[in-house]
Each structure stands twice: as structure tokens, then as C-alpha cells.
């Protein structure tokens, strides 16, 4: 099937009302899989350094990936099944499912593209019916997660790079599509929003909301 319209979707705080990594760490703490004192101290330190400009998005990504290192993949998969039932499935807004269904009915080529790791988001992508899914890739060695990112993180300018590479691997270019849509909540996605013909701000953070007003981009709320 030949598609002439591309529809891209961010996940956290766009199709979902929350940040998946934050929900995951809260879930692990609730189930006694993380040391609360150690985690809270590390989280406060990272937040403080980020505020001072001393820590970047990659360090945040690897901070959350570090929660995967102590457990083997079988246990992690079992925990994620419970996480999906308890935290994710009840939170998916009807409006998010309706938006996805609208683009699917129109026959658009749909891709979920998220800065969150593939481990966290692959089950969510399947639940939402996405066959195409670009995510930050967690590094694995000897069958275990290392807590580091493999390759280019799917965030900020990297989200554009990863999309273009992903399309090229399939013999496509962004310019092949007559129209392209991207739905996102975050100023971090301004690079990709600026590359598509139809950027849409969803549950926009203050910086993105101001930029969208200036550019005349549509803004919608999903919740």
C-alpha cells in the first residue's frame, strides 16, 4: 500500500497523560524494587544539576535506564506486564485512541516516535496499534541492560535524525509524503515539529504553547 500522508505521534504527555519513566520508577518503588532513599537522593541531585545546566537529556535518559540493570529481562518483562495493567491501560484517554483511529481510517502511514526507551514503550505501542515505533534504544550486553543508551537517543534533534534514518532504511524520504503531521506536547520536539507540514501542539508545555501561538500552529488538549 502506498501512503502519501505521514502521521507521527509523541507518547508521554501527548497520547498518555503522564511520563512513562516517572510512572515506572514510582511503580518500582511501590513494589520494593528500588531503594527509595538512594533513588530519591540521586533524583534530587540530577534535577539540581539539570537546573544549573550541568546535566542534559541523555543523562536523564540513562538515569531512568539504570532502573533496568538490577533485574534480568524475564523479571523485567513480568513487572512490565503488571505495570501496563495497573498504570498504563487505565490512563489511556479515549481522545488519544480516537485521534489514532482517525488517522488509521484515513490510511495514513503512522509512526509512534518517543524519547522513552523501547523497553518501556514497545508494549504501549502495541496496545495503541502502532506497527511502526521509533524509541531510544537501551544498550544490552550479555543479555542484561547496561543502563546506557545505544546509538542516538530519540530526543530533540536526534528525533529528526532517527526518523530520517528510519525512513531511509525503508527506501523512503520525508519529502516523499505530500503531507506530514506530528503531535507533541514538548518544546524538546520543536526540531521535528518544524520539519513537518502540519505540526500540532498537544497538552503543550509553556514554551511550546507560546511558539505554537506565534507560528499559528493548532493546539489541542487530550486528557
C-alpha atoms as a PDB file:
ATOM      1  CA  UNK A   1       0.000   0.000   0.000  1.00  0.00           C
ATOM      2  CA  UNK A   2       1.365   3.424  -0.968  1.00  0.00           C
ATOM      3  CA  UNK A   3       0.876   6.170   1.613  1.00  0.00           C
ATOM      4  CA  UNK A   4       1.091   9.856   0.786  1.00  0.00           C
ATOM      5  CA  UNK A   5       0.451  11.221   4.284  1.00  0.00           C
ATOM      6  CA  UNK A   6       2.677  10.601   7.309  1.00  0.00           C
ATOM      7  CA  UNK A   7       1.272  10.862  10.849  1.00  0.00           C
ATOM      8  CA  UNK A   8       3.795  10.987  13.701  1.00  0.00           C
ATOM      9  CA  UNK A   9       2.861  10.812  17.380  1.00  0.00           C
ATOM     10  CA  UNK A  10       4.819  11.517  20.532  1.00  0.00           C
ATOM     11  CA  UNK A  11       3.803   9.411  23.540  1.00  0.00           C
ATOM     12  CA  UNK A  12       4.413  10.847  27.017  1.00  0.00           C
ATOM     13  CA  UNK A  13       2.078  13.705  27.952  1.00  0.00           C
ATOM     14  CA  UNK A  14       0.740  13.580  24.389  1.00  0.00           C
ATOM     15  CA  UNK A  15      -1.124  10.294  23.898  1.00  0.00           C
ATOM     16  CA  UNK A  16      -0.606   9.451  27.569  1.00  0.00           C
ATOM     17  CA  UNK A  17      -1.324  11.961  30.353  1.00  0.00           C
ATOM     18  CA  UNK A  18       1.916  11.204  32.193  1.00  0.00           C
ATOM     19  CA  UNK A  19       5.618  10.484  31.746  1.00  0.00           C
ATOM     20  CA  UNK A  20       6.127   6.732  31.412  1.00  0.00           C
ATOM     21  CA  UNK A  21       9.575   6.739  33.034  1.00  0.00           C
ATOM     22  CA  UNK A  22       8.262   8.616  36.070  1.00  0.00           C
ATOM     23  CA  UNK A  23       5.351   6.215  36.380  1.00  0.00           C
ATOM     24  CA  UNK A  24       7.721   3.239  36.062  1.00  0.00           C
ATOM     25  CA  UNK A  25      10.021   4.396  38.852  1.00  0.00           C
ATOM     26  CA  UNK A  26       7.021   5.102  41.085  1.00  0.00           C
ATOM     27  CA  UNK A  27       5.780   1.581  40.308  1.00  0.00           C
ATOM     28  CA  UNK A  28       9.166   0.013  41.128  1.00  0.00           C
ATOM     29  CA  UNK A  29       9.351   1.920  44.402  1.00  0.00           C
ATOM     30  CA  UNK A  30       5.820   0.829  45.292  1.00  0.00           C
ATOM     31  CA  UNK A  31       6.751  -2.810  44.647  1.00  0.00           C
ATOM     32  CA  UNK A  32      10.024  -2.616  46.579  1.00  0.00           C
ATOM     33  CA  UNK A  33      12.265  -2.999  43.514  1.00  0.00           C
ATOM     34  CA  UNK A  34      14.189   0.237  44.108  1.00  0.00           C
ATOM     35  CA  UNK A  35      15.831   1.607  47.235  1.00  0.00           C
ATOM     36  CA  UNK A  36      13.782   4.713  47.952  1.00  0.00           C
ATOM     37  CA  UNK A  37      16.434   6.675  49.845  1.00  0.00           C
ATOM     38  CA  UNK A  38      19.118   6.047  47.228  1.00  0.00           C
ATOM     39  CA  UNK A  39      16.770   6.759  44.334  1.00  0.00           C
ATOM     40  CA  UNK A  40      15.389   9.967  45.849  1.00  0.00           C
ATOM     41  CA  UNK A  41      18.899  11.271  46.552  1.00  0.00           C
ATOM     42  CA  UNK A  42      20.074  10.528  43.014  1.00  0.00           C
ATOM     43  CA  UNK A  43      16.916  12.055  41.559  1.00  0.00           C
ATOM     44  CA  UNK A  44      17.329  15.277  43.567  1.00  0.00           C
ATOM     45  CA  UNK A  45      20.981  15.552  42.561  1.00  0.00           C
ATOM     46  CA  UNK A  46      20.202  15.086  38.874  1.00  0.00           C
ATOM     47  CA  UNK A  47      17.336  17.597  38.970  1.00  0.00           C
ATOM     48  CA  UNK A  48      19.558  20.177  40.676  1.00  0.00           C
ATOM     49  CA  UNK A  49      22.354  19.686  38.153  1.00  0.00           C
ATOM     50  CA  UNK A  50      19.886  19.888  35.275  1.00  0.00           C
ATOM     51  CA  UNK A  51      18.584  23.194  36.647  1.00  0.00           C
ATOM     52  CA  UNK A  52      22.170  24.502  36.788  1.00  0.00           C
ATOM     53  CA  UNK A  53      22.760  23.393  33.213  1.00  0.00           C
ATOM     54  CA  UNK A  54      25.219  20.676  34.264  1.00  0.00           C
ATOM     55  CA  UNK A  55      23.161  17.661  33.133  1.00  0.00           C
ATOM     56  CA  UNK A  56      21.483  17.050  29.798  1.00  0.00           C
ATOM     57  CA  UNK A  57      18.691  14.967  28.328  1.00  0.00           C
ATOM     58  CA  UNK A  58      20.987  11.981  27.718  1.00  0.00           C
ATOM     59  CA  UNK A  59      21.866  11.791  31.405  1.00  0.00           C
ATOM     60  CA  UNK A  60      18.176  11.851  32.279  1.00  0.00           C
ATOM     61  CA  UNK A  61      17.549   9.010  29.831  1.00  0.00           C
ATOM     62  CA  UNK A  62      20.342   6.927  31.315  1.00  0.00           C
ATOM     63  CA  UNK A  63      19.189   7.721  34.853  1.00  0.00           C
ATOM     64  CA  UNK A  64      15.878   6.012  34.087  1.00  0.00           C
ATOM     65  CA  UNK A  65      17.574   3.204  32.157  1.00  0.00           C
ATOM     66  CA  UNK A  66      19.627   2.492  35.274  1.00  0.00           C
ATOM     67  CA  UNK A  67      16.427   1.164  36.883  1.00  0.00           C
ATOM     68  CA  UNK A  68      16.629  -1.818  34.491  1.00  0.00           C
ATOM     69  CA  UNK A  69      20.121  -3.008  35.387  1.00  0.00           C
ATOM     70  CA  UNK A  70      19.473  -4.872  38.640  1.00  0.00           C
ATOM     71  CA  UNK A  71      16.837  -7.227  37.212  1.00  0.00           C
ATOM     72  CA  UNK A  72      17.038  -9.839  34.485  1.00  0.00           C
ATOM     73  CA  UNK A  73      14.897  -9.375  31.352  1.00  0.00           C
ATOM     74  CA  UNK A  74      12.434 -12.131  32.335  1.00  0.00           C
ATOM     75  CA  UNK A  75      11.620 -10.459  35.647  1.00  0.00           C
ATOM     76  CA  UNK A  76      11.509  -7.055  33.976  1.00  0.00           C
ATOM     77  CA  UNK A  77       9.015  -8.321  31.391  1.00  0.00           C
ATOM     78  CA  UNK A  78       6.789  -9.754  34.122  1.00  0.00           C
ATOM     79  CA  UNK A  79       6.925  -6.487  36.047  1.00  0.00           C
ATOM     80  CA  UNK A  80       6.118  -4.535  32.902  1.00  0.00           C
ATOM     81  CA  UNK A  81       3.006  -6.661  32.345  1.00  0.00           C
ATOM     82  CA  UNK A  82       1.774  -5.647  35.796  1.00  0.00           C
ATOM     83  CA  UNK A  83       2.822  -2.034  35.162  1.00  0.00           C
ATOM     84  CA  UNK A  84       0.755  -1.970  31.983  1.00  0.00           C
ATOM     85  CA  UNK A  85      -2.330  -3.330  33.772  1.00  0.00           C
ATOM     86  CA  UNK A  86      -2.015  -1.099  36.825  1.00  0.00           C
ATOM     87  CA  UNK A  87      -0.620   2.162  35.488  1.00  0.00           C
ATOM     88  CA  UNK A  88      -0.828   2.476  31.716  1.00  0.00           C
ATOM     89  CA  UNK A  89      -4.036   0.881  30.446  1.00  0.00           C
ATOM     90  CA  UNK A  90      -6.348   2.710  32.882  1.00  0.00           C
ATOM     91  CA  UNK A  91      -4.729   6.041  31.964  1.00  0.00           C
ATOM     92  CA  UNK A  92      -5.035   5.996  28.156  1.00  0.00           C
ATOM     93  CA  UNK A  93      -7.504   8.734  27.225  1.00  0.00           C
ATOM     94  CA  UNK A  94     -10.373   7.901  24.905  1.00  0.00           C
ATOM     95  CA  UNK A  95      -9.457  11.018  22.924  1.00  0.00           C
ATOM     96  CA  UNK A  96      -5.993   9.584  22.256  1.00  0.00           C
ATOM     97  CA  UNK A  97      -7.432   6.354  20.899  1.00  0.00           C
ATOM     98  CA  UNK A  98      -9.893   8.378  18.793  1.00  0.00           C
ATOM     99  CA  UNK A  99      -7.107  10.519  17.304  1.00  0.00           C
ATOM    100  CA  UNK A 100      -5.096   7.439  16.350  1.00  0.00           C
ATOM    101  CA  UNK A 101      -8.198   5.773  14.905  1.00  0.00           C
ATOM    102  CA  UNK A 102      -8.959   8.851  12.787  1.00  0.00           C
ATOM    103  CA  UNK A 103      -5.556   8.744  11.079  1.00  0.00           C
ATOM    104  CA  UNK A 104      -5.793   4.973  10.679  1.00  0.00           C
ATOM    105  CA  UNK A 105      -9.196   5.251   8.968  1.00  0.00           C
ATOM    106  CA  UNK A 106      -7.722   7.788   6.548  1.00  0.00           C
ATOM    107  CA  UNK A 107      -4.995   5.328   5.594  1.00  0.00           C
ATOM    108  CA  UNK A 108      -2.098   7.429   6.839  1.00  0.00           C
ATOM    109  CA  UNK A 109       1.360   5.985   7.435  1.00  0.00           C
ATOM    110  CA  UNK A 110       1.574   6.123  11.233  1.00  0.00           C
ATOM    111  CA  UNK A 111       4.655   6.135  13.450  1.00  0.00           C
ATOM    112  CA  UNK A 112       4.962   6.411  17.215  1.00  0.00           C
ATOM    113  CA  UNK A 113       8.205   8.277  17.973  1.00  0.00           C
ATOM    114  CA  UNK A 114       9.222   8.678  21.597  1.00  0.00           C
ATOM    115  CA  UNK A 115      12.265   9.685  23.615  1.00  0.00           C
ATOM    116  CA  UNK A 116      11.434   6.987  26.154  1.00  0.00           C
ATOM    117  CA  UNK A 117      13.163   3.622  25.854  1.00  0.00           C
ATOM    118  CA  UNK A 118      11.937   0.792  23.666  1.00  0.00           C
ATOM    119  CA  UNK A 119      11.694  -1.445  26.749  1.00  0.00           C
ATOM    120  CA  UNK A 120       9.187   0.919  28.319  1.00  0.00           C
ATOM    121  CA  UNK A 121       7.204   1.840  25.227  1.00  0.00           C
ATOM    122  CA  UNK A 122       7.041  -1.226  22.952  1.00  0.00           C
ATOM    123  CA  UNK A 123       4.095  -2.743  24.893  1.00  0.00           C
ATOM    124  CA  UNK A 124       2.337   0.644  24.829  1.00  0.00           C
ATOM    125  CA  UNK A 125       2.889   0.937  21.081  1.00  0.00           C
ATOM    126  CA  UNK A 126       1.321  -2.496  20.583  1.00  0.00           C
ATOM    127  CA  UNK A 127      -1.633  -1.599  22.790  1.00  0.00           C
ATOM    128  CA  UNK A 128      -2.255   1.539  20.732  1.00  0.00           C
ATOM    129  CA  UNK A 129      -1.991  -0.392  17.483  1.00  0.00           C
ATOM    130  CA  UNK A 130       1.242   1.094  16.134  1.00  0.00           C
ATOM    131  CA  UNK A 131       3.163  -1.180  13.790  1.00  0.00           C
ATOM    132  CA  UNK A 132       5.891   1.466  13.427  1.00  0.00           C
ATOM    133  CA  UNK A 133       7.721   2.574  16.553  1.00  0.00           C
ATOM    134  CA  UNK A 134      10.899   4.627  16.993  1.00  0.00           C
ATOM    135  CA  UNK A 135      12.296   4.896  20.529  1.00  0.00           C
ATOM    136  CA  UNK A 136      15.511   5.453  22.426  1.00  0.00           C
ATOM    137  CA  UNK A 137      17.331   2.118  22.332  1.00  0.00           C
ATOM    138  CA  UNK A 138      18.643   0.725  25.640  1.00  0.00           C
ATOM    139  CA  UNK A 139      22.033  -0.933  25.416  1.00  0.00           C
ATOM    140  CA  UNK A 140      22.257  -4.639  26.305  1.00  0.00           C
ATOM    141  CA  UNK A 141      25.331  -6.777  26.994  1.00  0.00           C
ATOM    142  CA  UNK A 142      25.334 -10.452  27.847  1.00  0.00           C
ATOM    143  CA  UNK A 143      21.557 -10.446  27.954  1.00  0.00           C
ATOM    144  CA  UNK A 144      21.262  -7.634  30.516  1.00  0.00           C
ATOM    145  CA  UNK A 145      20.522  -3.939  30.283  1.00  0.00           C
ATOM    146  CA  UNK A 146      23.592  -1.783  30.969  1.00  0.00           C
ATOM    147  CA  UNK A 147      21.761   1.444  31.839  1.00  0.00           C
ATOM    148  CA  UNK A 148      23.223   3.224  28.813  1.00  0.00           C
ATOM    149  CA  UNK A 149      21.706   4.379  25.535  1.00  0.00           C
ATOM    150  CA  UNK A 150      22.646   2.527  22.351  1.00  0.00           C
ATOM    151  CA  UNK A 151      23.155   4.842  19.386  1.00  0.00           C
ATOM    152  CA  UNK A 152      21.475   8.214  19.023  1.00  0.00           C
ATOM    153  CA  UNK A 153      18.823   8.995  21.649  1.00  0.00           C
ATOM    154  CA  UNK A 154      15.436   9.634  20.066  1.00  0.00           C
ATOM    155  CA  UNK A 155      15.144  13.109  21.518  1.00  0.00           C
ATOM    156  CA  UNK A 156      15.396  16.725  20.368  1.00  0.00           C
ATOM    157  CA  UNK A 157      17.419  16.954  17.125  1.00  0.00           C
ATOM    158  CA  UNK A 158      18.041  13.218  17.462  1.00  0.00           C
ATOM    159  CA  UNK A 159      14.348  12.590  16.877  1.00  0.00           C
ATOM    160  CA  UNK A 160      14.689  14.153  13.410  1.00  0.00           C
ATOM    161  CA  UNK A 161      17.880  12.198  12.681  1.00  0.00           C
ATOM    162  CA  UNK A 162      16.378   8.917  13.807  1.00  0.00           C
ATOM    163  CA  UNK A 163      13.203   9.453  11.746  1.00  0.00           C
ATOM    164  CA  UNK A 164      15.125  10.291   8.570  1.00  0.00           C
ATOM    165  CA  UNK A 165      17.378   7.255   9.059  1.00  0.00           C
ATOM    166  CA  UNK A 166      14.378   5.034   9.811  1.00  0.00           C
ATOM    167  CA  UNK A 167      12.622   6.159   6.638  1.00  0.00           C
ATOM    168  CA  UNK A 168      15.802   5.774   4.567  1.00  0.00           C
ATOM    169  CA  UNK A 169      16.200   2.190   5.786  1.00  0.00           C
ATOM    170  CA  UNK A 170      12.775   1.549   4.235  1.00  0.00           C
ATOM    171  CA  UNK A 171      13.520   3.336   0.974  1.00  0.00           C
ATOM    172  CA  UNK A 172      11.575   6.468   1.900  1.00  0.00           C
ATOM    173  CA  UNK A 173      12.215  10.154   2.495  1.00  0.00           C
ATOM    174  CA  UNK A 174      10.174  12.700   4.419  1.00  0.00           C
ATOM    175  CA  UNK A 175       9.740  14.629   1.170  1.00  0.00           C
ATOM    176  CA  UNK A 176       8.019  11.578  -0.359  1.00  0.00           C
ATOM    177  CA  UNK A 177       4.935  12.385   1.698  1.00  0.00           C
ATOM    178  CA  UNK A 178       2.527  15.011   0.393  1.00  0.00           C
ATOM    179  CA  UNK A 179       1.635  15.908   3.986  1.00  0.00           C
ATOM    180  CA  UNK A 180       3.170  15.100   7.342  1.00  0.00           C
ATOM    181  CA  UNK A 181       1.652  15.517  10.799  1.00  0.00           C
ATOM    182  CA  UNK A 182       3.333  15.456  14.194  1.00  0.00           C
ATOM    183  CA  UNK A 183       1.572  15.620  17.549  1.00  0.00           C
ATOM    184  CA  UNK A 184       3.654  16.534  20.600  1.00  0.00           C
ATOM    185  CA  UNK A 185       3.456  18.245  23.971  1.00  0.00           C
ATOM    186  CA  UNK A 186       7.060  19.324  24.401  1.00  0.00           C
ATOM    187  CA  UNK A 187       9.446  22.092  23.474  1.00  0.00           C
ATOM    188  CA  UNK A 188      12.011  19.293  23.111  1.00  0.00           C
ATOM    189  CA  UNK A 189      10.185  18.269  19.939  1.00  0.00           C
ATOM    190  CA  UNK A 190      10.401  21.652  18.247  1.00  0.00           C
ATOM    191  CA  UNK A 191      13.067  20.355  15.807  1.00  0.00           C
ATOM    192  CA  UNK A 192      10.732  17.662  14.444  1.00  0.00           C
ATOM    193  CA  UNK A 193       7.628  19.824  14.683  1.00  0.00           C
ATOM    194  CA  UNK A 194       9.438  22.314  12.454  1.00  0.00           C
ATOM    195  CA  UNK A 195      10.130  19.613   9.840  1.00  0.00           C
ATOM    196  CA  UNK A 196       6.522  18.562   9.180  1.00  0.00           C
ATOM    197  CA  UNK A 197       3.799  20.275   7.192  1.00  0.00           C
ATOM    198  CA  UNK A 198       1.219  20.015   9.993  1.00  0.00           C
ATOM    199  CA  UNK A 199       2.678  20.458  13.496  1.00  0.00           C
ATOM    200  CA  UNK A 200       0.109  20.116  16.274  1.00  0.00           C
ATOM    201  CA  UNK A 201       0.777  21.052  19.911  1.00  0.00           C
ATOM    202  CA  UNK A 202      -0.966  18.671  22.321  1.00  0.00           C
ATOM    203  CA  UNK A 203      -1.215  19.468  26.043  1.00  0.00           C
ATOM    204  CA  UNK A 204       1.608  21.873  25.255  1.00  0.00           C
ATOM    205  CA  UNK A 205       4.208  22.961  27.784  1.00  0.00           C
ATOM    206  CA  UNK A 206       4.527  26.780  28.162  1.00  0.00           C
ATOM    207  CA  UNK A 207       7.410  27.172  25.692  1.00  0.00           C
ATOM    208  CA  UNK A 208       5.736  25.071  23.011  1.00  0.00           C
ATOM    209  CA  UNK A 209       2.383  26.784  23.602  1.00  0.00           C
ATOM    210  CA  UNK A 210       3.964  30.220  23.090  1.00  0.00           C
ATOM    211  CA  UNK A 211       5.794  29.023  19.969  1.00  0.00           C
ATOM    212  CA  UNK A 212       2.609  27.475  18.583  1.00  0.00           C
ATOM    213  CA  UNK A 213       0.700  30.732  19.112  1.00  0.00           C
ATOM    214  CA  UNK A 214       3.453  32.677  17.357  1.00  0.00           C
ATOM    215  CA  UNK A 215       3.531  30.270  14.415  1.00  0.00           C
ATOM    216  CA  UNK A 216      -0.228  29.786  14.216  1.00  0.00           C
ATOM    217  CA  UNK A 217       0.028  26.057  14.883  1.00  0.00           C
ATOM    218  CA  UNK A 218      -3.133  24.349  16.139  1.00  0.00           C
ATOM    219  CA  UNK A 219      -3.257  23.414  19.810  1.00  0.00           C
ATOM    220  CA  UNK A 220      -5.395  20.639  21.217  1.00  0.00           C
ATOM    221  CA  UNK A 221      -5.912  19.018  24.600  1.00  0.00           C
ATOM    222  CA  UNK A 222      -6.051  15.285  25.173  1.00  0.00           C
ATOM    223  CA  UNK A 223      -6.825  14.141  28.671  1.00  0.00           C
END
